[in-house]
């Protein structure tokens, strides 16, 4: 397999096993940037929400990182299916229902949130980007996996446990040593 930066095969080698729908990069953020997403109960609810959602609205999770106040992920949807909005609504709703007693902040509810039946766990919207090609996919994979280092939570990607990075190390697509401070190319930045 071809190596990028001399450390791992390209993600495009991995990506080619898929057929079908479009691939998207997402950023989902907590309301008011609450640092709650790595809490055990939130992580458990998020995992359950994804399992439940995938039963009726399947998708592949290509990459993932969970940060305290946001998450980044890459999904591939089935051929002809572009309805990621319903999937995110289902996931966010499930997590909210499971965790509202502990995390709902009544003082943060305003007329707009009440009218829309929104919780105080999530920001209203999320950011999405349709992956254009293998280079774009590789760039977003790297961005996702390097995010804990970028935000100063760890000095090396391998030290952040809430990431698909470890799966790709196991599968030989990343070196366990990839992504330490000072090891990323100069042009690496926001996707």
C-alpha atoms as a PDB file:
ATOM      1  CA  UNK A   1       0.000   0.000   0.000  1.00  0.00           C
ATOM      2  CA  UNK A   2       1.093   3.551  -0.728  1.00  0.00           C
ATOM      3  CA  UNK A   3       2.304   5.506   2.306  1.00  0.00           C
ATOM      4  CA  UNK A   4       1.499   9.179   2.994  1.00  0.00           C
ATOM      5  CA  UNK A   5       4.037  11.153   5.030  1.00  0.00           C
ATOM      6  CA  UNK A   6       5.874   7.845   5.355  1.00  0.00           C
ATOM      7  CA  UNK A   7       3.639   6.718   8.216  1.00  0.00           C
ATOM      8  CA  UNK A   8       0.571   4.871   6.937  1.00  0.00           C
ATOM      9  CA  UNK A   9      -1.397   3.728   3.925  1.00  0.00           C
ATOM     10  CA  UNK A  10      -3.793   6.261   2.477  1.00  0.00           C
ATOM     11  CA  UNK A  11      -7.333   6.397   3.697  1.00  0.00           C
ATOM     12  CA  UNK A  12      -8.389   6.133   0.064  1.00  0.00           C
ATOM     13  CA  UNK A  13      -7.144   2.535   0.186  1.00  0.00           C
ATOM     14  CA  UNK A  14      -9.655   1.989   2.968  1.00  0.00           C
ATOM     15  CA  UNK A  15     -12.364   4.087   1.310  1.00  0.00           C
ATOM     16  CA  UNK A  16     -12.421   2.064  -1.900  1.00  0.00           C
ATOM     17  CA  UNK A  17     -14.067  -0.899  -0.164  1.00  0.00           C
ATOM     18  CA  UNK A  18     -17.301   1.101  -0.072  1.00  0.00           C
ATOM     19  CA  UNK A  19     -19.835   1.353  -2.812  1.00  0.00           C
ATOM     20  CA  UNK A  20     -22.878   3.493  -2.709  1.00  0.00           C
ATOM     21  CA  UNK A  21     -23.793   6.801  -1.251  1.00  0.00           C
ATOM     22  CA  UNK A  22     -22.098  10.066  -0.480  1.00  0.00           C
ATOM     23  CA  UNK A  23     -19.583  10.587   2.293  1.00  0.00           C
ATOM     24  CA  UNK A  24     -19.879  13.554   4.676  1.00  0.00           C
ATOM     25  CA  UNK A  25     -17.774  15.212   7.357  1.00  0.00           C
ATOM     26  CA  UNK A  26     -19.779  16.535  10.329  1.00  0.00           C
ATOM     27  CA  UNK A  27     -19.145  18.750  13.320  1.00  0.00           C
ATOM     28  CA  UNK A  28     -21.730  18.666  16.101  1.00  0.00           C
ATOM     29  CA  UNK A  29     -21.353  20.970  19.104  1.00  0.00           C
ATOM     30  CA  UNK A  30     -22.937  21.094  22.546  1.00  0.00           C
ATOM     31  CA  UNK A  31     -25.085  24.074  23.496  1.00  0.00           C
ATOM     32  CA  UNK A  32     -22.901  26.819  24.969  1.00  0.00           C
ATOM     33  CA  UNK A  33     -19.894  24.553  24.477  1.00  0.00           C
ATOM     34  CA  UNK A  34     -20.648  22.489  27.567  1.00  0.00           C
ATOM     35  CA  UNK A  35     -17.848  20.020  28.229  1.00  0.00           C
ATOM     36  CA  UNK A  36     -20.090  16.977  28.702  1.00  0.00           C
ATOM     37  CA  UNK A  37     -19.629  14.679  25.697  1.00  0.00           C
ATOM     38  CA  UNK A  38     -16.878  12.535  27.254  1.00  0.00           C
ATOM     39  CA  UNK A  39     -18.981  11.848  30.354  1.00  0.00           C
ATOM     40  CA  UNK A  40     -19.846   8.137  30.686  1.00  0.00           C
ATOM     41  CA  UNK A  41     -23.619   8.619  30.565  1.00  0.00           C
ATOM     42  CA  UNK A  42     -23.466  10.860  27.479  1.00  0.00           C
ATOM     43  CA  UNK A  43     -21.083   8.492  25.683  1.00  0.00           C
ATOM     44  CA  UNK A  44     -23.324   5.538  26.501  1.00  0.00           C
ATOM     45  CA  UNK A  45     -26.438   7.361  25.297  1.00  0.00           C
ATOM     46  CA  UNK A  46     -24.642   8.476  22.145  1.00  0.00           C
ATOM     47  CA  UNK A  47     -23.544   4.908  21.405  1.00  0.00           C
ATOM     48  CA  UNK A  48     -27.097   3.609  21.963  1.00  0.00           C
ATOM     49  CA  UNK A  49     -28.543   6.406  19.814  1.00  0.00           C
ATOM     50  CA  UNK A  50     -26.263   5.519  16.927  1.00  0.00           C
ATOM     51  CA  UNK A  51     -27.102   1.815  17.167  1.00  0.00           C
ATOM     52  CA  UNK A  52     -30.829   2.570  17.254  1.00  0.00           C
ATOM     53  CA  UNK A  53     -30.656   5.089  14.400  1.00  0.00           C
ATOM     54  CA  UNK A  54     -28.640   2.752  12.184  1.00  0.00           C
ATOM     55  CA  UNK A  55     -31.356   0.100  12.474  1.00  0.00           C
ATOM     56  CA  UNK A  56     -33.833   2.224  10.526  1.00  0.00           C
ATOM     57  CA  UNK A  57     -31.489   4.683   8.796  1.00  0.00           C
ATOM     58  CA  UNK A  58     -28.230   2.845   8.086  1.00  0.00           C
ATOM     59  CA  UNK A  59     -24.894   4.570   7.608  1.00  0.00           C
ATOM     60  CA  UNK A  60     -21.229   3.714   7.979  1.00  0.00           C
ATOM     61  CA  UNK A  61     -19.044   5.558  10.452  1.00  0.00           C
ATOM     62  CA  UNK A  62     -15.755   6.035   8.647  1.00  0.00           C
ATOM     63  CA  UNK A  63     -13.998   8.175  11.278  1.00  0.00           C
ATOM     64  CA  UNK A  64     -14.898   9.653  14.644  1.00  0.00           C
ATOM     65  CA  UNK A  65     -13.507  11.744  17.462  1.00  0.00           C
ATOM     66  CA  UNK A  66     -15.409  12.725  20.568  1.00  0.00           C
ATOM     67  CA  UNK A  67     -14.186  15.878  22.277  1.00  0.00           C
ATOM     68  CA  UNK A  68     -15.562  17.333  25.530  1.00  0.00           C
ATOM     69  CA  UNK A  69     -17.721  19.973  23.798  1.00  0.00           C
ATOM     70  CA  UNK A  70     -17.984  18.772  20.177  1.00  0.00           C
ATOM     71  CA  UNK A  71     -17.540  15.810  17.912  1.00  0.00           C
ATOM     72  CA  UNK A  72     -16.289  15.303  14.383  1.00  0.00           C
ATOM     73  CA  UNK A  73     -17.132  12.333  12.226  1.00  0.00           C
ATOM     74  CA  UNK A  74     -17.264  11.052   8.683  1.00  0.00           C
ATOM     75  CA  UNK A  75     -20.240   9.012   7.530  1.00  0.00           C
ATOM     76  CA  UNK A  76     -20.998   7.208   4.310  1.00  0.00           C
ATOM     77  CA  UNK A  77     -24.709   6.944   3.545  1.00  0.00           C
ATOM     78  CA  UNK A  78     -26.380   4.244   1.451  1.00  0.00           C
ATOM     79  CA  UNK A  79     -26.605   4.836  -2.280  1.00  0.00           C
ATOM     80  CA  UNK A  80     -29.222   7.442  -3.158  1.00  0.00           C
ATOM     81  CA  UNK A  81     -29.701   8.444   0.490  1.00  0.00           C
ATOM     82  CA  UNK A  82     -28.674  11.951   1.542  1.00  0.00           C
ATOM     83  CA  UNK A  83     -30.874  12.252   4.619  1.00  0.00           C
ATOM     84  CA  UNK A  84     -28.252  12.856   7.276  1.00  0.00           C
ATOM     85  CA  UNK A  85     -30.474  15.500   8.893  1.00  0.00           C
ATOM     86  CA  UNK A  86     -32.986  12.892  10.093  1.00  0.00           C
ATOM     87  CA  UNK A  87     -30.172  10.740  11.419  1.00  0.00           C
ATOM     88  CA  UNK A  88     -28.684  13.587  13.449  1.00  0.00           C
ATOM     89  CA  UNK A  89     -32.131  14.583  14.739  1.00  0.00           C
ATOM     90  CA  UNK A  90     -32.744  11.017  15.917  1.00  0.00           C
ATOM     91  CA  UNK A  91     -29.344  10.767  17.590  1.00  0.00           C
ATOM     92  CA  UNK A  92     -29.575  14.137  19.323  1.00  0.00           C
ATOM     93  CA  UNK A  93     -33.162  13.493  20.444  1.00  0.00           C
ATOM     94  CA  UNK A  94     -32.287  10.094  21.933  1.00  0.00           C
ATOM     95  CA  UNK A  95     -29.277  11.446  23.843  1.00  0.00           C
ATOM     96  CA  UNK A  96     -31.378  14.335  25.108  1.00  0.00           C
ATOM     97  CA  UNK A  97     -34.137  12.040  26.363  1.00  0.00           C
ATOM     98  CA  UNK A  98     -31.646   9.742  28.060  1.00  0.00           C
ATOM     99  CA  UNK A  99     -29.630  12.504  29.720  1.00  0.00           C
ATOM    100  CA  UNK A 100     -31.989  15.458  30.167  1.00  0.00           C
ATOM    101  CA  UNK A 101     -32.522  14.973  33.906  1.00  0.00           C
ATOM    102  CA  UNK A 102     -28.844  15.527  34.576  1.00  0.00           C
ATOM    103  CA  UNK A 103     -27.907  17.987  31.822  1.00  0.00           C
ATOM    104  CA  UNK A 104     -30.996  20.052  30.990  1.00  0.00           C
ATOM    105  CA  UNK A 105     -30.462  23.661  32.082  1.00  0.00           C
ATOM    106  CA  UNK A 106     -33.829  25.335  32.532  1.00  0.00           C
ATOM    107  CA  UNK A 107     -32.204  28.762  32.867  1.00  0.00           C
ATOM    108  CA  UNK A 108     -30.879  28.387  29.299  1.00  0.00           C
ATOM    109  CA  UNK A 109     -34.282  27.741  27.763  1.00  0.00           C
ATOM    110  CA  UNK A 110     -35.524  30.729  25.794  1.00  0.00           C
ATOM    111  CA  UNK A 111     -38.698  31.219  23.772  1.00  0.00           C
ATOM    112  CA  UNK A 112     -37.095  29.932  20.591  1.00  0.00           C
ATOM    113  CA  UNK A 113     -35.798  26.733  22.218  1.00  0.00           C
ATOM    114  CA  UNK A 114     -39.145  26.121  23.898  1.00  0.00           C
ATOM    115  CA  UNK A 115     -41.064  26.711  20.661  1.00  0.00           C
ATOM    116  CA  UNK A 116     -38.788  24.307  18.758  1.00  0.00           C
ATOM    117  CA  UNK A 117     -38.820  21.766  21.631  1.00  0.00           C
ATOM    118  CA  UNK A 118     -35.032  21.956  21.855  1.00  0.00           C
ATOM    119  CA  UNK A 119     -32.942  20.925  24.792  1.00  0.00           C
ATOM    120  CA  UNK A 120     -29.951  22.685  26.248  1.00  0.00           C
ATOM    121  CA  UNK A 121     -27.612  19.816  25.370  1.00  0.00           C
ATOM    122  CA  UNK A 122     -26.956  20.568  21.688  1.00  0.00           C
ATOM    123  CA  UNK A 123     -26.454  23.525  19.432  1.00  0.00           C
ATOM    124  CA  UNK A 124     -29.384  23.803  17.053  1.00  0.00           C
ATOM    125  CA  UNK A 125     -27.470  23.097  13.899  1.00  0.00           C
ATOM    126  CA  UNK A 126     -24.460  21.082  12.849  1.00  0.00           C
ATOM    127  CA  UNK A 127     -21.874  21.644  10.167  1.00  0.00           C
ATOM    128  CA  UNK A 128     -21.547  19.260   7.241  1.00  0.00           C
ATOM    129  CA  UNK A 129     -19.235  18.993   4.272  1.00  0.00           C
ATOM    130  CA  UNK A 130     -19.599  16.532   1.418  1.00  0.00           C
ATOM    131  CA  UNK A 131     -16.299  14.785   0.799  1.00  0.00           C
ATOM    132  CA  UNK A 132     -15.171  15.575  -2.759  1.00  0.00           C
ATOM    133  CA  UNK A 133     -12.392  13.073  -3.442  1.00  0.00           C
ATOM    134  CA  UNK A 134      -9.741  10.868  -1.852  1.00  0.00           C
ATOM    135  CA  UNK A 135      -7.483  13.822  -1.025  1.00  0.00           C
ATOM    136  CA  UNK A 136     -10.359  15.578   0.752  1.00  0.00           C
ATOM    137  CA  UNK A 137     -11.183  12.366   2.603  1.00  0.00           C
ATOM    138  CA  UNK A 138      -7.571  11.919   3.746  1.00  0.00           C
ATOM    139  CA  UNK A 139      -7.412  15.527   4.907  1.00  0.00           C
ATOM    140  CA  UNK A 140     -10.579  15.151   6.972  1.00  0.00           C
ATOM    141  CA  UNK A 141      -9.450  11.824   8.442  1.00  0.00           C
ATOM    142  CA  UNK A 142      -6.246  13.509   9.586  1.00  0.00           C
ATOM    143  CA  UNK A 143      -8.138  16.524  10.905  1.00  0.00           C
ATOM    144  CA  UNK A 144     -10.481  14.338  12.947  1.00  0.00           C
ATOM    145  CA  UNK A 145      -7.735  12.232  14.447  1.00  0.00           C
ATOM    146  CA  UNK A 146      -5.412  15.173  15.186  1.00  0.00           C
ATOM    147  CA  UNK A 147      -8.166  17.231  16.842  1.00  0.00           C
ATOM    148  CA  UNK A 148      -7.368  16.248  20.477  1.00  0.00           C
ATOM    149  CA  UNK A 149      -3.753  17.372  19.958  1.00  0.00           C
ATOM    150  CA  UNK A 150      -4.877  20.580  18.245  1.00  0.00           C
ATOM    151  CA  UNK A 151      -7.067  21.452  21.244  1.00  0.00           C
ATOM    152  CA  UNK A 152      -4.306  20.624  23.736  1.00  0.00           C
ATOM    153  CA  UNK A 153      -5.946  17.634  25.422  1.00  0.00           C
ATOM    154  CA  UNK A 154      -3.025  15.317  24.622  1.00  0.00           C
ATOM    155  CA  UNK A 155       0.458  15.570  23.116  1.00  0.00           C
ATOM    156  CA  UNK A 156      -0.055  12.618  20.765  1.00  0.00           C
ATOM    157  CA  UNK A 157      -3.094  11.293  18.914  1.00  0.00           C
ATOM    158  CA  UNK A 158      -2.563   7.820  20.389  1.00  0.00           C
ATOM    159  CA  UNK A 159      -3.259   9.198  23.874  1.00  0.00           C
ATOM    160  CA  UNK A 160      -6.889  10.212  23.165  1.00  0.00           C
ATOM    161  CA  UNK A 161      -9.207   7.275  23.773  1.00  0.00           C
ATOM    162  CA  UNK A 162     -12.407   8.652  22.182  1.00  0.00           C
ATOM    163  CA  UNK A 163     -11.311   8.293  18.573  1.00  0.00           C
ATOM    164  CA  UNK A 164     -11.454   5.911  15.638  1.00  0.00           C
ATOM    165  CA  UNK A 165      -7.684   6.414  15.329  1.00  0.00           C
ATOM    166  CA  UNK A 166      -7.067   3.258  17.364  1.00  0.00           C
ATOM    167  CA  UNK A 167      -9.147   1.160  14.946  1.00  0.00           C
ATOM    168  CA  UNK A 168      -7.039   2.424  12.027  1.00  0.00           C
ATOM    169  CA  UNK A 169      -3.798   1.745  13.862  1.00  0.00           C
ATOM    170  CA  UNK A 170      -5.035  -1.818  14.390  1.00  0.00           C
ATOM    171  CA  UNK A 171      -5.924  -2.069  10.671  1.00  0.00           C
ATOM    172  CA  UNK A 172      -2.545  -0.650   9.583  1.00  0.00           C
ATOM    173  CA  UNK A 173      -3.822   2.637   8.134  1.00  0.00           C
ATOM    174  CA  UNK A 174      -2.053   4.822  10.701  1.00  0.00           C
ATOM    175  CA  UNK A 175       1.179   4.301  12.593  1.00  0.00           C
ATOM    176  CA  UNK A 176       0.619   4.426  16.349  1.00  0.00           C
ATOM    177  CA  UNK A 177       3.192   7.226  16.433  1.00  0.00           C
ATOM    178  CA  UNK A 178       1.429   9.415  13.849  1.00  0.00           C
ATOM    179  CA  UNK A 179       0.180  12.775  15.012  1.00  0.00           C
ATOM    180  CA  UNK A 180       2.403  13.800  17.851  1.00  0.00           C
ATOM    181  CA  UNK A 181       3.185  17.457  18.386  1.00  0.00           C
ATOM    182  CA  UNK A 182       5.445  18.747  15.628  1.00  0.00           C
ATOM    183  CA  UNK A 183       4.874  15.743  13.353  1.00  0.00           C
ATOM    184  CA  UNK A 184       2.092  17.156  11.182  1.00  0.00           C
ATOM    185  CA  UNK A 185       2.809  18.854   7.848  1.00  0.00           C
ATOM    186  CA  UNK A 186       2.821  22.658   7.797  1.00  0.00           C
ATOM    187  CA  UNK A 187      -0.217  22.817   5.508  1.00  0.00           C
ATOM    188  CA  UNK A 188      -2.328  20.832   7.952  1.00  0.00           C
ATOM    189  CA  UNK A 189      -5.106  23.001   9.305  1.00  0.00           C
ATOM    190  CA  UNK A 190      -8.824  23.429   9.208  1.00  0.00           C
ATOM    191  CA  UNK A 191     -10.523  21.143   6.680  1.00  0.00           C
END
